[in-house]
Amino acid sequence: ESSKNSRINQLRSENEDMQAIICHLEEKMSIAINKYNTLSNKKEILEIKRHEAIKYNKASALAQSLAVEISIKASDMNDLSIEMKDIQRNIYFIKYEIKRKNMILKQL
């Protein structure tokens, strides 16, 4: 009985720790989403400027410079997308582990 109570307390403690990790990961996700949206907006503005530069036959150097900036923003967005997918994957597996431990708790 003492061993059973000890195991129950251990599982509950582990679940609480995992919930804290999920909260931290969700915060990281929120920050990453905000960064992604900011980059997306900046990239969109650069694309508009690039199209205007091409349309009005401004110096091709300007259009090329803007294209490089757009490419950098797109690369940064891709990196953030990978990071967000990784966070989502971690959250999924932690939630799965919490469910598994809750099932064990129900059986105890």
N, C-alpha and C. Protein backbone atom coordinates (compact mmCIF):
# COMPACT_ATOMS: atom_id res chain seq x y z
N GLU A 1 0.83 -1.21 0.00
CA GLU A 1 0.00 0.00 0.00
C GLU A 1 0.87 1.26 0.00
N SER A 2 1.92 1.24 0.80
CA SER A 2 2.84 2.37 0.85
C SER A 2 3.55 2.54 -0.49
N SER A 3 3.93 1.41 -1.08
CA SER A 3 4.59 1.42 -2.38
C SER A 3 3.64 1.96 -3.45
N LYS A 4 2.37 1.58 -3.35
CA LYS A 4 1.36 2.04 -4.30
C LYS A 4 1.19 3.55 -4.19
N ASN A 5 1.08 4.06 -2.96
CA ASN A 5 0.94 5.51 -2.75
C ASN A 5 2.18 6.26 -3.24
N SER A 6 3.32 5.67 -3.01
CA SER A 6 4.57 6.28 -3.47
C SER A 6 4.58 6.37 -4.99
N ARG A 7 4.16 5.30 -5.65
CA ARG A 7 4.11 5.27 -7.12
C ARG A 7 3.10 6.30 -7.65
N ILE A 8 1.95 6.40 -6.99
CA ILE A 8 0.93 7.39 -7.39
C ILE A 8 1.49 8.80 -7.27
N ASN A 9 2.15 9.07 -6.15
CA ASN A 9 2.73 10.41 -5.95
C ASN A 9 3.81 10.71 -6.98
N GLN A 10 4.60 9.70 -7.29
CA GLN A 10 5.66 9.87 -8.28
C GLN A 10 5.06 10.19 -9.65
N LEU A 11 4.04 9.44 -10.05
CA LEU A 11 3.40 9.68 -11.36
C LEU A 11 2.76 11.06 -11.41
N ARG A 12 2.11 11.45 -10.35
CA ARG A 12 1.48 12.78 -10.31
C ARG A 12 2.54 13.88 -10.41
N SER A 13 3.63 13.69 -9.71
CA SER A 13 4.73 14.66 -9.75
C SER A 13 5.32 14.76 -11.16
N GLU A 14 5.51 13.60 -11.78
CA GLU A 14 6.04 13.59 -13.16
C GLU A 14 5.07 14.28 -14.11
N ASN A 15 3.78 14.06 -13.95
CA ASN A 15 2.78 14.72 -14.80
C ASN A 15 2.82 16.23 -14.61
N GLU A 16 2.96 16.67 -13.37
CA GLU A 16 3.05 18.12 -13.12
C GLU A 16 4.28 18.71 -13.78
N ASP A 17 5.41 18.00 -13.69
CA ASP A 17 6.63 18.46 -14.34
C ASP A 17 6.45 18.55 -15.85
N MET A 18 5.79 17.56 -16.42
CA MET A 18 5.57 17.56 -17.87
C MET A 18 4.61 18.68 -18.28
N GLN A 19 3.63 18.97 -17.44
CA GLN A 19 2.71 20.08 -17.73
C GLN A 19 3.50 21.40 -17.76
N ALA A 20 4.45 21.54 -16.84
CA ALA A 20 5.29 22.75 -16.81
C ALA A 20 6.12 22.86 -18.09
N ILE A 21 6.62 21.72 -18.55
CA ILE A 21 7.40 21.71 -19.80
C ILE A 21 6.50 22.11 -20.97
N ILE A 22 5.28 21.61 -20.99
CA ILE A 22 4.35 21.97 -22.06
C ILE A 22 4.09 23.48 -22.05
N CYS A 23 3.89 24.05 -20.87
CA CYS A 23 3.67 25.50 -20.77
C CYS A 23 4.86 26.26 -21.35
N HIS A 24 6.06 25.81 -21.02
CA HIS A 24 7.28 26.45 -21.54
C HIS A 24 7.34 26.32 -23.07
N LEU A 25 7.04 25.14 -23.57
CA LEU A 25 7.07 24.92 -25.02
C LEU A 25 6.01 25.75 -25.73
N GLU A 26 4.84 25.88 -25.12
CA GLU A 26 3.78 26.69 -25.73
C GLU A 26 4.18 28.17 -25.77
N GLU A 27 4.93 28.62 -24.75
CA GLU A 27 5.45 29.98 -24.75
C GLU A 27 6.45 30.16 -25.90
N LYS A 28 7.35 29.18 -26.04
CA LYS A 28 8.32 29.22 -27.13
C LYS A 28 7.61 29.24 -28.48
N MET A 29 6.52 28.46 -28.59
CA MET A 29 5.76 28.41 -29.83
C MET A 29 5.14 29.77 -30.13
N SER A 30 4.59 30.40 -29.12
CA SER A 30 3.97 31.71 -29.30
C SER A 30 4.99 32.74 -29.78
N ILE A 31 6.18 32.70 -29.19
CA ILE A 31 7.25 33.62 -29.59
C ILE A 31 7.65 33.34 -31.04
N ALA A 32 7.79 32.06 -31.38
CA ALA A 32 8.18 31.69 -32.74
C ALA A 32 7.12 32.12 -33.76
N ILE A 33 5.85 31.98 -33.40
CA ILE A 33 4.76 32.39 -34.30
C ILE A 33 4.81 33.90 -34.52
N ASN A 34 5.04 34.65 -33.46
CA ASN A 34 5.13 36.11 -33.59
C ASN A 34 6.30 36.50 -34.48
N LYS A 35 7.45 35.86 -34.29
CA LYS A 35 8.62 36.13 -35.13
C LYS A 35 8.32 35.79 -36.59
N TYR A 36 7.67 34.65 -36.80
CA TYR A 36 7.33 34.21 -38.15
C TYR A 36 6.42 35.23 -38.83
N ASN A 37 5.40 35.68 -38.11
CA ASN A 37 4.46 36.65 -38.68
C ASN A 37 5.15 37.97 -38.98
N THR A 38 6.05 38.40 -38.10
CA THR A 38 6.81 39.63 -38.34
C THR A 38 7.66 39.50 -39.59
N LEU A 39 8.36 38.36 -39.70
CA LEU A 39 9.18 38.12 -40.90
C LEU A 39 8.33 38.08 -42.16
N SER A 40 7.18 37.45 -42.06
CA SER A 40 6.28 37.35 -43.21
C SER A 40 5.83 38.74 -43.67
N ASN A 41 5.49 39.59 -42.71
CA ASN A 41 5.07 40.96 -43.06
C ASN A 41 6.22 41.73 -43.70
N LYS A 42 7.41 41.62 -43.13
CA LYS A 42 8.57 42.33 -43.70
C LYS A 42 8.87 41.82 -45.10
N LYS A 43 8.78 40.50 -45.29
CA LYS A 43 9.03 39.90 -46.60
C LYS A 43 8.02 40.41 -47.62
N GLU A 44 6.77 40.49 -47.20
CA GLU A 44 5.71 40.98 -48.10
C GLU A 44 5.99 42.43 -48.53
N ILE A 45 6.40 43.26 -47.59
CA ILE A 45 6.72 44.66 -47.91
C ILE A 45 7.89 44.73 -48.88
N LEU A 46 8.91 43.91 -48.64
CA LEU A 46 10.06 43.88 -49.55
C LEU A 46 9.66 43.44 -50.95
N GLU A 47 8.76 42.45 -51.03
CA GLU A 47 8.30 41.99 -52.35
C GLU A 47 7.56 43.09 -53.09
N ILE A 48 6.75 43.85 -52.37
CA ILE A 48 6.03 44.97 -53.00
C ILE A 48 7.04 45.99 -53.52
N LYS A 49 8.03 46.33 -52.70
CA LYS A 49 9.06 47.30 -53.12
C LYS A 49 9.83 46.79 -54.33
N ARG A 50 10.12 45.49 -54.33
CA ARG A 50 10.87 44.91 -55.45
C ARG A 50 10.05 44.99 -56.74
N HIS A 51 8.76 44.65 -56.64
CA HIS A 51 7.90 44.72 -57.83
C HIS A 51 7.78 46.16 -58.33
N GLU A 52 7.73 47.12 -57.42
CA GLU A 52 7.67 48.53 -57.82
C GLU A 52 8.97 48.94 -58.50
N ALA A 53 10.09 48.49 -57.96
CA ALA A 53 11.39 48.82 -58.56
C ALA A 53 11.48 48.27 -59.98
N ILE A 54 10.99 47.05 -60.17
CA ILE A 54 11.02 46.44 -61.51
C ILE A 54 10.04 47.17 -62.43
N LYS A 55 8.86 47.47 -61.92
CA LYS A 55 7.80 48.11 -62.71
C LYS A 55 8.24 49.48 -63.23
N TYR A 56 8.90 50.23 -62.39
CA TYR A 56 9.29 51.59 -62.78
C TYR A 56 10.72 51.65 -63.29
N ASN A 57 11.24 50.49 -63.69
CA ASN A 57 12.57 50.40 -64.28
C ASN A 57 13.64 51.09 -63.46
N LYS A 58 13.51 51.00 -62.15
CA LYS A 58 14.56 51.57 -61.31
C LYS A 58 15.78 50.69 -61.46
N ALA A 59 16.85 51.15 -60.91
CA ALA A 59 18.12 50.42 -61.05
C ALA A 59 17.93 48.96 -60.67
N SER A 60 18.41 48.08 -61.51
CA SER A 60 18.25 46.66 -61.26
C SER A 60 19.00 46.25 -59.99
N ALA A 61 19.99 47.04 -59.59
CA ALA A 61 20.73 46.74 -58.36
C ALA A 61 19.78 46.79 -57.16
N LEU A 62 18.84 47.73 -57.19
CA LEU A 62 17.87 47.83 -56.10
C LEU A 62 16.99 46.58 -56.06
N ALA A 63 16.50 46.17 -57.22
CA ALA A 63 15.65 44.98 -57.29
C ALA A 63 16.43 43.74 -56.83
N GLN A 64 17.70 43.66 -57.23
CA GLN A 64 18.53 42.52 -56.81
C GLN A 64 18.78 42.54 -55.30
N SER A 65 19.03 43.72 -54.77
CA SER A 65 19.24 43.86 -53.33
C SER A 65 18.00 43.44 -52.56
N LEU A 66 16.84 43.86 -53.05
CA LEU A 66 15.58 43.49 -52.40
C LEU A 66 15.34 41.99 -52.51
N ALA A 67 15.71 41.40 -53.65
CA ALA A 67 15.55 39.96 -53.84
C ALA A 67 16.40 39.18 -52.82
N VAL A 68 17.60 39.69 -52.55
CA VAL A 68 18.46 39.04 -51.55
C VAL A 68 17.83 39.13 -50.17
N GLU A 69 17.31 40.31 -49.82
CA GLU A 69 16.65 40.48 -48.52
C GLU A 69 15.43 39.56 -48.40
N ILE A 70 14.67 39.45 -49.48
CA ILE A 70 13.50 38.57 -49.50
C ILE A 70 13.93 37.12 -49.27
N SER A 71 15.00 36.73 -49.93
CA SER A 71 15.52 35.36 -49.78
C SER A 71 15.96 35.09 -48.35
N ILE A 72 16.59 36.06 -47.72
CA ILE A 72 17.03 35.90 -46.32
C ILE A 72 15.82 35.75 -45.41
N LYS A 73 14.80 36.58 -45.62
CA LYS A 73 13.57 36.49 -44.80
C LYS A 73 12.91 35.12 -45.00
N ALA A 74 12.85 34.66 -46.25
CA ALA A 74 12.24 33.35 -46.53
C ALA A 74 13.02 32.24 -45.83
N SER A 75 14.33 32.34 -45.84
CA SER A 75 15.17 31.34 -45.17
C SER A 75 14.92 31.36 -43.65
N ASP A 76 14.85 32.57 -43.08
CA ASP A 76 14.57 32.70 -41.65
C ASP A 76 13.19 32.13 -41.31
N MET A 77 12.23 32.38 -42.20
CA MET A 77 10.88 31.84 -41.99
C MET A 77 10.90 30.32 -42.03
N ASN A 78 11.68 29.76 -42.95
CA ASN A 78 11.79 28.31 -43.05
C ASN A 78 12.40 27.73 -41.77
N ASP A 79 13.44 28.39 -41.25
CA ASP A 79 14.08 27.94 -40.00
C ASP A 79 13.07 27.96 -38.85
N LEU A 80 12.28 29.02 -38.78
CA LEU A 80 11.26 29.12 -37.73
C LEU A 80 10.19 28.05 -37.89
N SER A 81 9.84 27.78 -39.12
CA SER A 81 8.84 26.74 -39.40
C SER A 81 9.33 25.38 -38.89
N ILE A 82 10.59 25.09 -39.13
CA ILE A 82 11.18 23.84 -38.65
C ILE A 82 11.16 23.81 -37.13
N GLU A 83 11.53 24.93 -36.50
CA GLU A 83 11.53 25.02 -35.05
C GLU A 83 10.11 24.81 -34.49
N MET A 84 9.12 25.41 -35.13
CA MET A 84 7.74 25.28 -34.66
C MET A 84 7.25 23.83 -34.78
N LYS A 85 7.61 23.17 -35.88
CA LYS A 85 7.22 21.77 -36.04
C LYS A 85 7.86 20.91 -34.96
N ASP A 86 9.11 21.20 -34.62
CA ASP A 86 9.81 20.47 -33.58
C ASP A 86 9.12 20.68 -32.22
N ILE A 87 8.74 21.90 -31.94
CA ILE A 87 8.03 22.20 -30.69
C ILE A 87 6.69 21.46 -30.65
N GLN A 88 5.96 21.51 -31.76
CA GLN A 88 4.68 20.80 -31.83
C GLN A 88 4.86 19.30 -31.58
N ARG A 89 5.90 18.74 -32.17
CA ARG A 89 6.19 17.32 -32.00
C ARG A 89 6.48 17.01 -30.54
N ASN A 90 7.29 17.85 -29.90
CA ASN A 90 7.60 17.65 -28.48
C ASN A 90 6.36 17.74 -27.61
N ILE A 91 5.52 18.73 -27.88
CA ILE A 91 4.27 18.88 -27.11
C ILE A 91 3.40 17.64 -27.28
N TYR A 92 3.28 17.16 -28.50
CA TYR A 92 2.47 15.97 -28.78
C TYR A 92 2.95 14.78 -27.95
N PHE A 93 4.26 14.52 -27.98
CA PHE A 93 4.78 13.35 -27.28
C PHE A 93 4.68 13.50 -25.76
N ILE A 94 4.85 14.70 -25.26
CA ILE A 94 4.71 14.91 -23.82
C ILE A 94 3.25 14.70 -23.41
N LYS A 95 2.32 15.23 -24.20
CA LYS A 95 0.90 15.02 -23.88
C LYS A 95 0.55 13.53 -23.94
N TYR A 96 1.14 12.83 -24.89
CA TYR A 96 0.91 11.39 -24.99
C TYR A 96 1.42 10.69 -23.73
N GLU A 97 2.59 11.09 -23.28
CA GLU A 97 3.18 10.48 -22.07
C GLU A 97 2.32 10.80 -20.84
N ILE A 98 1.79 12.01 -20.76
CA ILE A 98 0.89 12.37 -19.65
C ILE A 98 -0.34 11.48 -19.67
N LYS A 99 -0.90 11.28 -20.85
CA LYS A 99 -2.08 10.39 -20.98
C LYS A 99 -1.76 8.98 -20.51
N ARG A 100 -0.60 8.51 -20.93
CA ARG A 100 -0.18 7.16 -20.56
C ARG A 100 -0.05 7.02 -19.04
N LYS A 101 0.54 8.03 -18.43
CA LYS A 101 0.71 7.99 -16.97
C LYS A 101 -0.63 8.13 -16.25
N ASN A 102 -1.53 8.91 -16.82
CA ASN A 102 -2.86 9.03 -16.23
C ASN A 102 -3.61 7.70 -16.28
N MET A 103 -3.40 6.94 -17.36
CA MET A 103 -4.03 5.62 -17.47
C MET A 103 -3.48 4.68 -16.39
N ILE A 104 -2.18 4.78 -16.16
CA ILE A 104 -1.57 3.96 -15.11
C ILE A 104 -2.13 4.37 -13.75
N LEU A 105 -2.27 5.68 -13.54
CA LEU A 105 -2.83 6.17 -12.28
C LEU A 105 -4.23 5.63 -12.04
N LYS A 106 -5.03 5.57 -13.08
CA LYS A 106 -6.40 5.05 -12.94
C LYS A 106 -6.41 3.58 -12.54
N GLN A 107 -5.40 2.87 -12.99
CA GLN A 107 -5.32 1.44 -12.67
C GLN A 107 -4.79 1.18 -11.26
N LEU A 108 -4.11 2.16 -10.69
CA LEU A 108 -3.54 1.97 -9.34
C LEU A 108 -4.57 2.19 -8.26
